[in-house]
């Protein structure tokens, strides 16, 4: 289903608000909606504000605030509800750590709001099989976070927060490299080292790893071109930075390909058999997952480099905005998700105790 977008500058809300603060109510001006729904929306919102506040009104306002902020961040039309937008909102809620039953209640309230604005008995997405499947009790299958490329996934357990891929950090890769000195001349090891570093530096989704071609790497400028990305709505492609260490590893791999007169377009290939340079085809997502688990353990996946790179940057004090740019995210949701174990270590409380260790006396002594 095509995502419904709306130009924020055409709405009063965008002129005065970016998101709705937790202590503020949602107003009709916040809603990016079909203008034919504006009168109904104003009447509905007036009903929420007037009279005595009760638990239902409070719950509706909470969900509406979260949905409005989500749509603003991603430039989605809010109402009438669109199935694709709601599916993405569910992913966002589950990634924030809410329980399945909480997400179910949130979507039920959204459907009720949608029906009220449309002045109909049931929302247009009331019988959506995809939404029902994603929210069924005990749902323990993968929740797709991307559209065409199905790149980022989390596993949702019944009544448990969403988990994330096990991180592979920069030093994880270097320690693996140093621990395998006897394999440094092996074809597959040279390829894997280059692949792992490219995935780490580029913060690549596993589908992006599969797509890397030789001509996508600009050795002279330390750049990697990504032709298709999840959040690249216009399909223009983007460039990411590659470190000198990564460029050197890619050069070693390219030299090996050239020595064997292998001039295929793909940069990373599988071997058949593994110890020869007879190529059997471009490394697939399945192949990448298999070799990552083989080298780093079954808890890891092709997505682990993206998580590890995010955590490494956060631990060095790099801003969320810079990490978002590097990871090609449109919001801080995933950055916060991946760094939730690191952020407390950079909190004011952590800094306070660090200052105590340096001998700084608290102002208040009693």
Protein backbone atom coordinates (compact mmCIF):
# COMPACT_ATOMS: atom_id res chain seq x y z
CA UNK A 1 0.00 0.00 0.00
CA UNK A 2 1.34 3.40 -0.91
CA UNK A 3 2.28 5.59 2.02
CA UNK A 4 0.15 8.67 2.28
CA UNK A 5 2.28 11.73 2.73
CA UNK A 6 1.36 15.27 3.55
CA UNK A 7 3.32 18.46 3.25
CA UNK A 8 3.65 19.84 6.81
CA UNK A 9 3.92 23.46 5.72
CA UNK A 10 0.34 23.31 4.45
CA UNK A 11 -1.03 22.75 7.93
CA UNK A 12 -1.44 25.14 10.83
CA UNK A 13 0.01 22.57 13.19
CA UNK A 14 3.36 22.51 11.45
CA UNK A 15 3.66 26.26 11.74
CA UNK A 16 3.53 26.21 15.53
CA UNK A 17 4.36 22.65 16.62
CA UNK A 18 6.79 19.88 15.86
CA UNK A 19 5.45 17.36 18.34
CA UNK A 20 2.92 17.54 21.15
CA UNK A 21 4.47 17.60 24.62
CA UNK A 22 3.31 15.03 27.14
CA UNK A 23 1.60 17.64 29.30
CA UNK A 24 -0.33 19.26 26.44
CA UNK A 25 -3.59 18.17 24.80
CA UNK A 26 -3.89 17.45 21.10
CA UNK A 27 -5.89 20.13 19.31
CA UNK A 28 -7.55 20.10 15.86
CA UNK A 29 -4.66 22.23 14.59
CA UNK A 30 -2.27 19.37 15.34
CA UNK A 31 -4.10 17.00 13.01
CA UNK A 32 -2.78 16.46 9.49
CA UNK A 33 -5.98 15.11 7.97
CA UNK A 34 -8.20 15.16 4.93
CA UNK A 35 -9.74 18.63 5.07
CA UNK A 36 -13.22 17.16 4.62
CA UNK A 37 -12.82 15.74 8.13
CA UNK A 38 -11.89 19.07 9.73
CA UNK A 39 -15.39 20.01 11.03
CA UNK A 40 -15.93 16.55 12.51
CA UNK A 41 -12.46 16.61 14.05
CA UNK A 42 -13.08 19.95 15.73
CA UNK A 43 -16.36 18.67 17.18
CA UNK A 44 -14.72 15.45 18.38
CA UNK A 45 -11.77 17.23 19.99
CA UNK A 46 -14.12 19.69 21.67
CA UNK A 47 -15.94 16.71 23.20
CA UNK A 48 -12.64 15.39 24.58
CA UNK A 49 -11.81 18.73 26.18
CA UNK A 50 -15.25 19.57 27.59
CA UNK A 51 -16.77 18.03 30.67
CA UNK A 52 -15.14 15.97 33.36
CA UNK A 53 -12.01 14.07 32.39
CA UNK A 54 -12.32 10.30 32.81
CA UNK A 55 -10.05 7.36 32.19
CA UNK A 56 -11.35 6.85 28.64
CA UNK A 57 -10.72 10.46 27.65
CA UNK A 58 -7.26 10.36 29.20
CA UNK A 59 -6.43 7.14 27.34
CA UNK A 60 -7.69 8.53 24.02
CA UNK A 61 -5.64 11.70 24.43
CA UNK A 62 -2.53 9.68 25.29
CA UNK A 63 -2.81 7.46 22.21
CA UNK A 64 -3.72 10.36 19.97
CA UNK A 65 -0.68 12.31 21.17
CA UNK A 66 1.62 9.37 20.45
CA UNK A 67 0.10 8.79 17.02
CA UNK A 68 0.23 12.49 16.08
CA UNK A 69 3.89 12.73 17.08
CA UNK A 70 4.72 9.55 15.14
CA UNK A 71 3.00 10.84 12.00
CA UNK A 72 4.68 14.24 12.26
CA UNK A 73 8.10 12.65 12.55
CA UNK A 74 7.52 10.48 9.48
CA UNK A 75 5.41 12.94 7.44
CA UNK A 76 2.32 10.71 7.31
CA UNK A 77 -1.28 11.74 6.84
CA UNK A 78 -3.03 10.98 10.15
CA UNK A 79 -6.67 10.43 9.25
CA UNK A 80 -8.44 8.61 7.69
CA UNK A 81 -6.30 5.76 9.03
CA UNK A 82 -4.10 4.09 6.44
CA UNK A 83 -3.27 0.42 6.99
CA UNK A 84 0.42 0.84 6.11
CA UNK A 85 0.82 3.80 8.47
CA UNK A 86 -0.90 1.94 11.31
CA UNK A 87 1.36 -1.10 10.78
CA UNK A 88 4.39 1.17 11.05
CA UNK A 89 2.94 2.80 14.16
CA UNK A 90 2.52 -0.65 15.72
CA UNK A 91 6.18 -1.42 14.98
CA UNK A 92 7.15 1.87 16.58
CA UNK A 93 5.13 1.12 19.71
CA UNK A 94 6.51 -2.42 20.05
CA UNK A 95 10.06 -1.15 19.58
CA UNK A 96 9.51 1.34 22.38
CA UNK A 97 8.97 -1.65 24.68
CA UNK A 98 5.18 -1.68 25.15
CA UNK A 99 3.41 -4.99 25.67
CA UNK A 100 1.31 -6.62 22.98
CA UNK A 101 -1.88 -6.04 24.97
CA UNK A 102 -1.04 -2.33 25.33
CA UNK A 103 -0.52 -2.03 21.57
CA UNK A 104 -3.86 -3.80 21.04
CA UNK A 105 -5.65 -1.25 23.24
CA UNK A 106 -3.89 1.65 21.49
CA UNK A 107 -5.00 0.52 18.04
CA UNK A 108 -8.56 -0.12 19.24
CA UNK A 109 -8.72 3.47 20.44
CA UNK A 110 -7.28 4.75 17.16
CA UNK A 111 -9.92 2.81 15.23
CA UNK A 112 -12.63 4.36 17.42
CA UNK A 113 -11.25 7.85 16.76
CA UNK A 114 -11.12 7.12 13.02
CA UNK A 115 -14.73 5.92 12.98
CA UNK A 116 -15.86 9.01 14.91
CA UNK A 117 -14.11 11.38 12.50
CA UNK A 118 -15.58 9.56 9.51
CA UNK A 119 -18.98 9.41 11.22
CA UNK A 120 -19.27 5.69 10.50
CA UNK A 121 -19.83 2.61 12.64
CA UNK A 122 -16.42 1.03 12.01
CA UNK A 123 -13.02 2.28 10.89
CA UNK A 124 -11.94 1.45 7.35
CA UNK A 125 -9.14 -0.72 8.74
CA UNK A 126 -11.37 -2.48 11.28
CA UNK A 127 -11.00 -5.90 9.59
CA UNK A 128 -7.38 -5.58 8.48
CA UNK A 129 -5.86 -9.08 8.55
CA UNK A 130 -2.31 -7.71 8.66
CA UNK A 131 -3.04 -5.61 11.74
CA UNK A 132 -4.84 -8.50 13.43
CA UNK A 133 -1.92 -10.81 12.71
CA UNK A 134 0.63 -8.38 14.09
CA UNK A 135 -1.34 -7.85 17.29
CA UNK A 136 -2.57 -11.35 18.04
CA UNK A 137 -1.82 -12.60 21.58
CA UNK A 138 1.37 -14.61 21.79
CA UNK A 139 2.73 -13.15 18.56
CA UNK A 140 6.31 -14.40 18.38
CA UNK A 141 7.21 -14.00 14.75
CA UNK A 142 9.39 -11.37 13.18
CA UNK A 143 7.94 -7.89 12.85
CA UNK A 144 9.11 -6.33 9.60
CA UNK A 145 10.34 -2.77 10.07
CA UNK A 146 11.13 -2.06 6.45
CA UNK A 147 8.90 -2.08 3.43
CA UNK A 148 10.48 -3.42 0.27
CA UNK A 149 13.71 -4.73 1.75
CA UNK A 150 12.59 -6.25 5.04
CA UNK A 151 15.84 -5.21 6.64
CA UNK A 152 15.43 -4.40 10.32
CA UNK A 153 13.66 -7.01 12.46
CA UNK A 154 12.92 -7.55 16.09
CA UNK A 155 11.39 -10.55 17.83
CA UNK A 156 8.24 -9.82 19.80
CA UNK A 157 7.48 -12.16 22.72
CA UNK A 158 4.10 -12.29 24.43
CA UNK A 159 3.89 -9.53 27.04
CA UNK A 160 7.62 -8.78 26.77
CA UNK A 161 9.45 -5.75 25.41
CA UNK A 162 10.89 -6.02 21.92
CA UNK A 163 14.42 -7.42 21.77
CA UNK A 164 17.17 -6.31 19.40
CA UNK A 165 20.02 -7.85 17.47
CA UNK A 166 23.13 -8.70 19.50
CA UNK A 167 25.71 -5.96 18.88
CA UNK A 168 28.99 -6.46 17.04
CA UNK A 169 31.29 -3.55 17.97
CA UNK A 170 34.41 -2.32 16.22
CA UNK A 171 36.64 -4.06 18.75
CA UNK A 172 34.60 -7.25 18.32
CA UNK A 173 35.68 -7.29 14.68
CA UNK A 174 39.31 -6.46 15.49
CA UNK A 175 39.51 -9.08 18.24
CA UNK A 176 38.06 -11.66 15.84
CA UNK A 177 40.65 -10.65 13.23
CA UNK A 178 43.56 -10.92 15.68
CA UNK A 179 42.34 -14.26 17.03
CA UNK A 180 42.38 -15.78 13.55
CA UNK A 181 45.92 -14.98 12.42
CA UNK A 182 46.24 -18.44 10.84
CA UNK A 183 43.37 -17.63 8.44
CA UNK A 184 44.57 -14.24 7.18
CA UNK A 185 45.51 -15.67 3.76
CA UNK A 186 42.25 -17.57 3.24
CA UNK A 187 40.00 -16.24 0.49
CA UNK A 188 36.85 -16.34 2.59
CA UNK A 189 38.54 -14.67 5.58
CA UNK A 190 39.79 -11.75 3.44
CA UNK A 191 36.28 -11.34 2.05
CA UNK A 192 34.61 -11.61 5.45
CA UNK A 193 36.91 -9.02 7.05
CA UNK A 194 36.12 -6.52 4.29
CA UNK A 195 32.41 -7.31 4.46
CA UNK A 196 32.23 -6.92 8.24
CA UNK A 197 34.06 -3.59 8.22
CA UNK A 198 31.94 -2.21 5.37
CA UNK A 199 28.77 -3.27 7.22
CA UNK A 200 30.03 -1.67 10.44
CA UNK A 201 31.22 1.64 8.95
CA UNK A 202 28.19 1.98 6.70
CA UNK A 203 25.76 0.89 9.44
CA UNK A 204 24.28 -1.28 6.74
CA UNK A 205 21.02 -3.13 6.94
CA UNK A 206 21.46 -6.71 5.83
CA UNK A 207 19.59 -6.08 2.58
CA UNK A 208 22.03 -3.24 1.84
CA UNK A 209 24.98 -5.56 2.47
CA UNK A 210 23.66 -7.90 -0.20
CA UNK A 211 23.45 -5.08 -2.77
CA UNK A 212 27.03 -3.74 -2.56
CA UNK A 213 28.72 -3.68 -5.97
CA UNK A 214 32.38 -3.04 -6.75
CA UNK A 215 31.65 0.32 -8.37
CA UNK A 216 29.75 1.48 -5.25
CA UNK A 217 33.03 1.84 -3.35
CA UNK A 218 34.99 5.06 -3.91
CA UNK A 219 38.44 4.14 -2.62
CA UNK A 220 39.94 7.58 -3.13
CA UNK A 221 37.27 9.47 -1.20
CA UNK A 222 36.53 6.82 1.45
CA UNK A 223 32.88 6.60 0.41
CA UNK A 224 30.33 3.86 -0.15
CA UNK A 225 27.30 4.52 -2.32
CA UNK A 226 24.04 2.91 -1.16
CA UNK A 227 21.69 2.86 -4.17
CA UNK A 228 18.55 1.88 -2.29
CA UNK A 229 17.73 2.47 1.35
CA UNK A 230 14.64 1.89 3.50
CA UNK A 231 14.15 5.58 4.26
CA UNK A 232 15.24 6.81 0.84
CA UNK A 233 11.73 7.64 -0.31
CA UNK A 234 12.88 9.31 -3.54
CA UNK A 235 15.27 6.53 -4.55
CA UNK A 236 18.16 8.95 -4.96
CA UNK A 237 20.68 6.80 -3.06
CA UNK A 238 23.12 8.07 -0.47
CA UNK A 239 26.81 7.99 0.47
CA UNK A 240 28.32 6.77 3.74
CA UNK A 241 31.83 7.11 5.13
CA UNK A 242 34.38 4.28 5.14
CA UNK A 243 37.41 4.39 7.44
CA UNK A 244 40.98 3.92 6.23
CA UNK A 245 41.03 0.48 7.87
CA UNK A 246 37.93 -0.52 5.92
CA UNK A 247 39.23 0.89 2.65
CA UNK A 248 42.46 -1.08 3.11
CA UNK A 249 40.48 -4.30 3.69
CA UNK A 250 38.36 -3.66 0.60
CA UNK A 251 41.52 -3.02 -1.45
CA UNK A 252 42.95 -6.36 -0.32
CA UNK A 253 39.76 -8.12 -1.35
CA UNK A 254 39.53 -6.31 -4.69
CA UNK A 255 43.18 -7.16 -5.42
CA UNK A 256 42.44 -10.81 -4.77
CA UNK A 257 39.49 -10.71 -7.16
CA UNK A 258 41.65 -9.02 -9.81
CA UNK A 259 44.45 -11.58 -9.39
CA UNK A 260 41.98 -14.29 -10.31
CA UNK A 261 40.42 -12.30 -13.18
CA UNK A 262 37.09 -12.10 -11.41
CA UNK A 263 35.41 -8.95 -12.68
CA UNK A 264 31.80 -9.50 -11.71
CA UNK A 265 29.73 -6.53 -10.54
CA UNK A 266 29.03 -7.71 -6.98
CA UNK A 267 31.70 -6.99 -4.37
CA UNK A 268 30.97 -9.88 -2.03
CA UNK A 269 30.62 -13.40 -3.41
CA UNK A 270 30.18 -16.90 -2.09
CA UNK A 271 32.70 -19.61 -2.97
CA UNK A 272 32.20 -23.11 -4.22
CA UNK A 273 33.96 -24.90 -2.62
CA UNK A 274 34.93 -22.52 0.20
CA UNK A 275 38.71 -22.83 -0.14
CA UNK A 276 38.91 -21.96 -3.84
CA UNK A 277 38.18 -18.81 -5.82
CA UNK A 278 35.41 -20.42 -7.86
CA UNK A 279 32.53 -18.07 -7.28
CA UNK A 280 29.03 -19.45 -6.96
CA UNK A 281 27.13 -16.15 -6.88
CA UNK A 282 26.50 -12.95 -4.98
CA UNK A 283 26.28 -13.41 -1.21
CA UNK A 284 22.59 -13.48 -0.31
CA UNK A 285 20.92 -12.34 2.89
CA UNK A 286 20.73 -15.97 3.97
CA UNK A 287 24.41 -16.48 3.20
CA UNK A 288 25.43 -13.34 5.11
CA UNK A 289 23.39 -14.40 8.15
CA UNK A 290 25.00 -17.84 8.06
CA UNK A 291 28.60 -16.61 7.94
CA UNK A 292 28.02 -13.95 10.64
CA UNK A 293 26.65 -16.59 13.00
CA UNK A 294 29.55 -18.89 12.12
CA UNK A 295 32.19 -16.24 12.92
CA UNK A 296 30.56 -14.45 15.88
CA UNK A 297 28.05 -16.89 17.36
CA UNK A 298 24.41 -17.84 16.90
CA UNK A 299 23.24 -14.80 18.92
CA UNK A 300 24.47 -12.47 16.16
CA UNK A 301 22.95 -11.58 12.80
CA UNK A 302 23.73 -9.43 9.81
CA UNK A 303 22.01 -6.57 11.63
CA UNK A 304 24.44 -6.79 14.57
CA UNK A 305 26.95 -4.43 12.91
CA UNK A 306 24.32 -1.67 12.72
CA UNK A 307 23.54 -2.06 16.41
CA UNK A 308 27.19 -2.20 17.44
CA UNK A 309 28.14 0.85 15.40
CA UNK A 310 25.28 2.83 16.96
CA UNK A 311 26.38 1.88 20.47
CA UNK A 312 30.04 2.66 19.76
CA UNK A 313 29.19 6.15 18.54
CA UNK A 314 26.90 6.83 21.50
CA UNK A 315 29.57 5.66 23.96
CA UNK A 316 31.98 8.22 22.49
CA UNK A 317 29.53 11.07 23.07
CA UNK A 318 28.47 11.48 19.45
CA UNK A 319 25.09 13.18 19.22
CA UNK A 320 21.87 11.37 18.35
CA UNK A 321 21.49 13.67 15.34
CA UNK A 322 24.84 12.56 13.92
CA UNK A 323 24.06 8.91 14.62
CA UNK A 324 20.68 9.32 12.91
CA UNK A 325 22.42 10.74 9.85
CA UNK A 326 24.95 7.90 9.79
CA UNK A 327 22.26 5.25 10.17
CA UNK A 328 19.87 6.96 7.75
CA UNK A 329 17.01 7.11 10.27
CA UNK A 330 14.22 9.68 10.21
CA UNK A 331 13.70 9.67 13.97
CA UNK A 332 15.55 8.90 17.20
CA UNK A 333 13.42 5.84 18.00
CA UNK A 334 15.98 3.26 16.87
CA UNK A 335 18.94 5.22 18.26
CA UNK A 336 17.27 5.28 21.67
CA UNK A 337 16.40 1.61 21.36
CA UNK A 338 19.97 0.57 20.57
CA UNK A 339 21.60 2.80 23.20
CA UNK A 340 19.25 2.24 26.13
CA UNK A 341 22.02 0.40 28.02
CA UNK A 342 24.55 3.16 27.30
CA UNK A 343 22.56 6.36 27.83
CA UNK A 344 22.35 6.00 31.65
CA UNK A 345 26.15 5.95 31.81
CA UNK A 346 26.17 9.43 30.31
CA UNK A 347 23.39 10.73 32.54
CA UNK A 348 23.60 13.52 35.07
CA UNK A 349 23.70 11.01 37.91
CA UNK A 350 26.67 9.21 36.36
CA UNK A 351 28.46 12.53 35.90
CA UNK A 352 27.66 13.52 39.49
CA UNK A 353 29.32 10.42 40.93
CA UNK A 354 32.28 10.83 38.58
CA UNK A 355 32.77 14.33 40.01
CA UNK A 356 32.54 12.95 43.56
CA UNK A 357 35.37 10.55 42.74
CA UNK A 358 37.44 13.53 41.62
CA UNK A 359 36.91 15.19 44.99
CA UNK A 360 34.26 17.74 44.04
CA UNK A 361 32.13 18.54 47.11
CA UNK A 362 28.33 18.66 46.76
CA UNK A 363 26.85 22.11 47.42
CA UNK A 364 24.27 20.77 49.84
CA UNK A 365 25.81 19.02 52.84
CA UNK A 366 22.78 18.24 54.95
